[in-house]
Amino acid sequence: QVQLLESGGGLVQPGGSLTLSCAASGNILGIAAIGWYRQAPGNQRDLVEVITSGGLTTHAESVEGRFNISSDMKTVNLRMNMMKPEDTAVYYCNVRGCGLDYWGQGTQVTVSS
């Protein structure tokens, strides 16, 4: 079992910044990738950015140049800059590995003036 504790969501104005954090605990030795997904109302859950234990990152084209992920494979931070209203969504932390696929409960991010 892996437990994921997310923090950092909230309301931010367009053009502003926000940092999401996620801390993993429990059976974390097998984590191969950790990262963030998001789901806006009426939409499917989509990739935002993930990082592997080897340091490789994958991100959505829509966050190119604006979001940055960092992780030690026990915690993961997502620094979100130049935020846009279309970034509004529930953001979910995810960890994957051998026999692992766990999700956090989600944290709401709202970009609005």
C-alpha atoms as a PDB file:
ATOM      1  CA  GLN A   1       0.000   0.000   0.000  1.00  0.00           C
ATOM      2  CA  VAL A   2       1.072   3.542  -0.795  1.00  0.00           C
ATOM      3  CA  GLN A   3      -0.476   6.628   0.726  1.00  0.00           C
ATOM      4  CA  LEU A   4      -0.314   9.947  -1.114  1.00  0.00           C
ATOM      5  CA  LEU A   5      -0.797  13.272   0.661  1.00  0.00           C
ATOM      6  CA  GLU A   6      -1.348  16.238  -1.631  1.00  0.00           C
ATOM      7  CA  SER A   7      -1.170  19.908  -0.753  1.00  0.00           C
ATOM      8  CA  GLY A   8      -0.921  23.312  -2.368  1.00  0.00           C
ATOM      9  CA  GLY A   9      -4.110  23.700  -4.339  1.00  0.00           C
ATOM     10  CA  GLY A  10      -6.177  26.853  -4.269  1.00  0.00           C
ATOM     11  CA  LEU A  11      -7.226  29.963  -6.137  1.00  0.00           C
ATOM     12  CA  VAL A  12      -4.761  31.916  -8.247  1.00  0.00           C
ATOM     13  CA  GLN A  13      -5.147  34.774 -10.688  1.00  0.00           C
ATOM     14  CA  PRO A  14      -4.307  34.364 -14.369  1.00  0.00           C
ATOM     15  CA  GLY A  15      -0.580  34.801 -14.848  1.00  0.00           C
ATOM     16  CA  GLY A  16       0.119  33.765 -11.273  1.00  0.00           C
ATOM     17  CA  SER A  17       1.995  30.815  -9.833  1.00  0.00           C
ATOM     18  CA  LEU A  18       1.188  27.903  -7.578  1.00  0.00           C
ATOM     19  CA  THR A  19       3.119  24.902  -6.308  1.00  0.00           C
ATOM     20  CA  LEU A  20       1.548  21.503  -5.687  1.00  0.00           C
ATOM     21  CA  SER A  21       3.243  18.984  -3.421  1.00  0.00           C
ATOM     22  CA  CYS A  22       2.653  15.290  -2.900  1.00  0.00           C
ATOM     23  CA  ALA A  23       4.284  13.072  -0.295  1.00  0.00           C
ATOM     24  CA  ALA A  24       4.264   9.297  -0.668  1.00  0.00           C
ATOM     25  CA  SER A  25       4.476   6.925   2.259  1.00  0.00           C
ATOM     26  CA  GLY A  26       4.140   3.194   2.814  1.00  0.00           C
ATOM     27  CA  ASN A  27       5.544   0.672   0.348  1.00  0.00           C
ATOM     28  CA  ILE A  28       7.380   3.173  -1.859  1.00  0.00           C
ATOM     29  CA  LEU A  29      10.471   1.162  -2.798  1.00  0.00           C
ATOM     30  CA  GLY A  30       9.013   0.091  -6.131  1.00  0.00           C
ATOM     31  CA  ILE A  31       8.046   3.525  -7.432  1.00  0.00           C
ATOM     32  CA  ALA A  32       9.247   3.944 -11.009  1.00  0.00           C
ATOM     33  CA  ALA A  33       7.349   7.094 -11.899  1.00  0.00           C
ATOM     34  CA  ILE A  34       5.597   9.837  -9.966  1.00  0.00           C
ATOM     35  CA  GLY A  35       3.684  12.823 -11.200  1.00  0.00           C
ATOM     36  CA  TRP A  36       0.501  14.760 -11.724  1.00  0.00           C
ATOM     37  CA  TYR A  37      -2.670  14.404 -13.731  1.00  0.00           C
ATOM     38  CA  ARG A  38      -5.668  16.707 -13.860  1.00  0.00           C
ATOM     39  CA  GLN A  39      -9.358  16.481 -14.556  1.00  0.00           C
ATOM     40  CA  ALA A  40     -11.582  19.407 -15.448  1.00  0.00           C
ATOM     41  CA  PRO A  41     -15.388  19.109 -15.150  1.00  0.00           C
ATOM     42  CA  GLY A  42     -16.789  17.004 -17.960  1.00  0.00           C
ATOM     43  CA  ASN A  43     -13.339  15.949 -19.146  1.00  0.00           C
ATOM     44  CA  GLN A  44     -11.225  12.841 -18.741  1.00  0.00           C
ATOM     45  CA  ARG A  45      -8.231  12.715 -16.449  1.00  0.00           C
ATOM     46  CA  ASP A  46      -5.180  13.825 -18.417  1.00  0.00           C
ATOM     47  CA  LEU A  47      -1.448  13.807 -17.913  1.00  0.00           C
ATOM     48  CA  VAL A  48       0.131  17.039 -16.681  1.00  0.00           C
ATOM     49  CA  GLU A  49       3.700  15.986 -15.992  1.00  0.00           C
ATOM     50  CA  VAL A  50       5.456  12.920 -14.656  1.00  0.00           C
ATOM     51  CA  ILE A  51       9.043  12.045 -13.837  1.00  0.00           C
ATOM     52  CA  THR A  52      10.695   8.641 -13.731  1.00  0.00           C
ATOM     53  CA  SER A  53      13.229   7.301 -11.264  1.00  0.00           C
ATOM     54  CA  GLY A  54      15.792   7.854 -13.999  1.00  0.00           C
ATOM     55  CA  GLY A  55      14.947  11.540 -14.213  1.00  0.00           C
ATOM     56  CA  LEU A  56      13.065  11.479 -17.500  1.00  0.00           C
ATOM     57  CA  THR A  57      10.059  13.776 -17.687  1.00  0.00           C
ATOM     58  CA  THR A  58       6.946  13.731 -19.828  1.00  0.00           C
ATOM     59  CA  HIS A  59       4.470  16.590 -19.914  1.00  0.00           C
ATOM     60  CA  ALA A  60       1.399  17.800 -21.704  1.00  0.00           C
ATOM     61  CA  GLU A  61       2.001  20.179 -24.580  1.00  0.00           C
ATOM     62  CA  SER A  62      -0.312  22.699 -22.933  1.00  0.00           C
ATOM     63  CA  VAL A  63       2.062  23.189 -19.983  1.00  0.00           C
ATOM     64  CA  GLU A  64       5.267  23.425 -22.014  1.00  0.00           C
ATOM     65  CA  GLY A  65       7.502  26.151 -20.652  1.00  0.00           C
ATOM     66  CA  ARG A  66       5.153  26.950 -17.770  1.00  0.00           C
ATOM     67  CA  PHE A  67       5.150  23.958 -15.407  1.00  0.00           C
ATOM     68  CA  ASN A  68       8.145  22.275 -13.827  1.00  0.00           C
ATOM     69  CA  ILE A  69       8.281  18.996 -11.906  1.00  0.00           C
ATOM     70  CA  SER A  70      10.823  17.924  -9.314  1.00  0.00           C
ATOM     71  CA  SER A  71      10.980  14.781  -7.220  1.00  0.00           C
ATOM     72  CA  ASP A  72      13.104  12.493  -5.076  1.00  0.00           C
ATOM     73  CA  MET A  73      10.649   9.636  -5.705  1.00  0.00           C
ATOM     74  CA  LYS A  74       9.198  10.101  -2.202  1.00  0.00           C
ATOM     75  CA  THR A  75       7.854  13.580  -2.762  1.00  0.00           C
ATOM     76  CA  VAL A  76       6.940  15.375  -5.939  1.00  0.00           C
ATOM     77  CA  ASN A  77       6.431  19.074  -6.512  1.00  0.00           C
ATOM     78  CA  LEU A  78       4.783  20.747  -9.467  1.00  0.00           C
ATOM     79  CA  ARG A  79       5.634  24.393  -9.909  1.00  0.00           C
ATOM     80  CA  MET A  80       3.007  26.034 -12.082  1.00  0.00           C
ATOM     81  CA  ASN A  81       3.820  29.432 -13.591  1.00  0.00           C
ATOM     82  CA  MET A  82       1.994  31.757 -15.977  1.00  0.00           C
ATOM     83  CA  MET A  83      -1.218  30.005 -15.127  1.00  0.00           C
ATOM     84  CA  LYS A  84      -4.261  30.213 -17.363  1.00  0.00           C
ATOM     85  CA  PRO A  85      -7.979  29.745 -16.700  1.00  0.00           C
ATOM     86  CA  GLU A  86      -7.812  26.509 -18.679  1.00  0.00           C
ATOM     87  CA  ASP A  87      -5.469  25.110 -16.015  1.00  0.00           C
ATOM     88  CA  THR A  88      -8.464  24.984 -13.685  1.00  0.00           C
ATOM     89  CA  ALA A  89      -9.023  21.382 -12.643  1.00  0.00           C
ATOM     90  CA  VAL A  90      -8.682  18.860  -9.862  1.00  0.00           C
ATOM     91  CA  TYR A  91      -5.051  17.785  -9.797  1.00  0.00           C
ATOM     92  CA  TYR A  92      -4.175  14.218  -8.802  1.00  0.00           C
ATOM     93  CA  CYS A  93      -0.847  12.831  -7.685  1.00  0.00           C
ATOM     94  CA  ASN A  94       0.021   9.397  -9.082  1.00  0.00           C
ATOM     95  CA  VAL A  95       2.745   6.846  -8.444  1.00  0.00           C
ATOM     96  CA  ARG A  96       3.446   3.826 -10.621  1.00  0.00           C
ATOM     97  CA  GLY A  97       5.877   0.960 -10.566  1.00  0.00           C
ATOM     98  CA  CYS A  98       6.076  -2.792 -10.373  1.00  0.00           C
ATOM     99  CA  GLY A  99       2.641  -3.705  -9.066  1.00  0.00           C
ATOM    100  CA  LEU A 100       1.988  -0.101  -8.093  1.00  0.00           C
ATOM    101  CA  ASP A 101      -0.613   2.333  -9.393  1.00  0.00           C
ATOM    102  CA  TYR A 102      -1.902   4.684  -6.715  1.00  0.00           C
ATOM    103  CA  TRP A 103      -3.775   7.972  -6.840  1.00  0.00           C
ATOM    104  CA  GLY A 104      -4.141  10.786  -4.389  1.00  0.00           C
ATOM    105  CA  GLN A 105      -7.518  12.204  -3.469  1.00  0.00           C
ATOM    106  CA  GLY A 106      -7.024  15.276  -5.615  1.00  0.00           C
ATOM    107  CA  THR A 107      -6.598  18.968  -4.935  1.00  0.00           C
ATOM    108  CA  GLN A 108      -8.598  21.730  -6.580  1.00  0.00           C
ATOM    109  CA  VAL A 109      -6.774  24.393  -8.564  1.00  0.00           C
ATOM    110  CA  THR A 110      -8.793  27.350  -9.798  1.00  0.00           C
ATOM    111  CA  VAL A 111      -7.364  30.059 -12.041  1.00  0.00           C
ATOM    112  CA  SER A 112      -9.658  33.054 -12.041  1.00  0.00           C
ATOM    113  CA  SER A 113      -9.629  36.789 -11.568  1.00  0.00           C
END
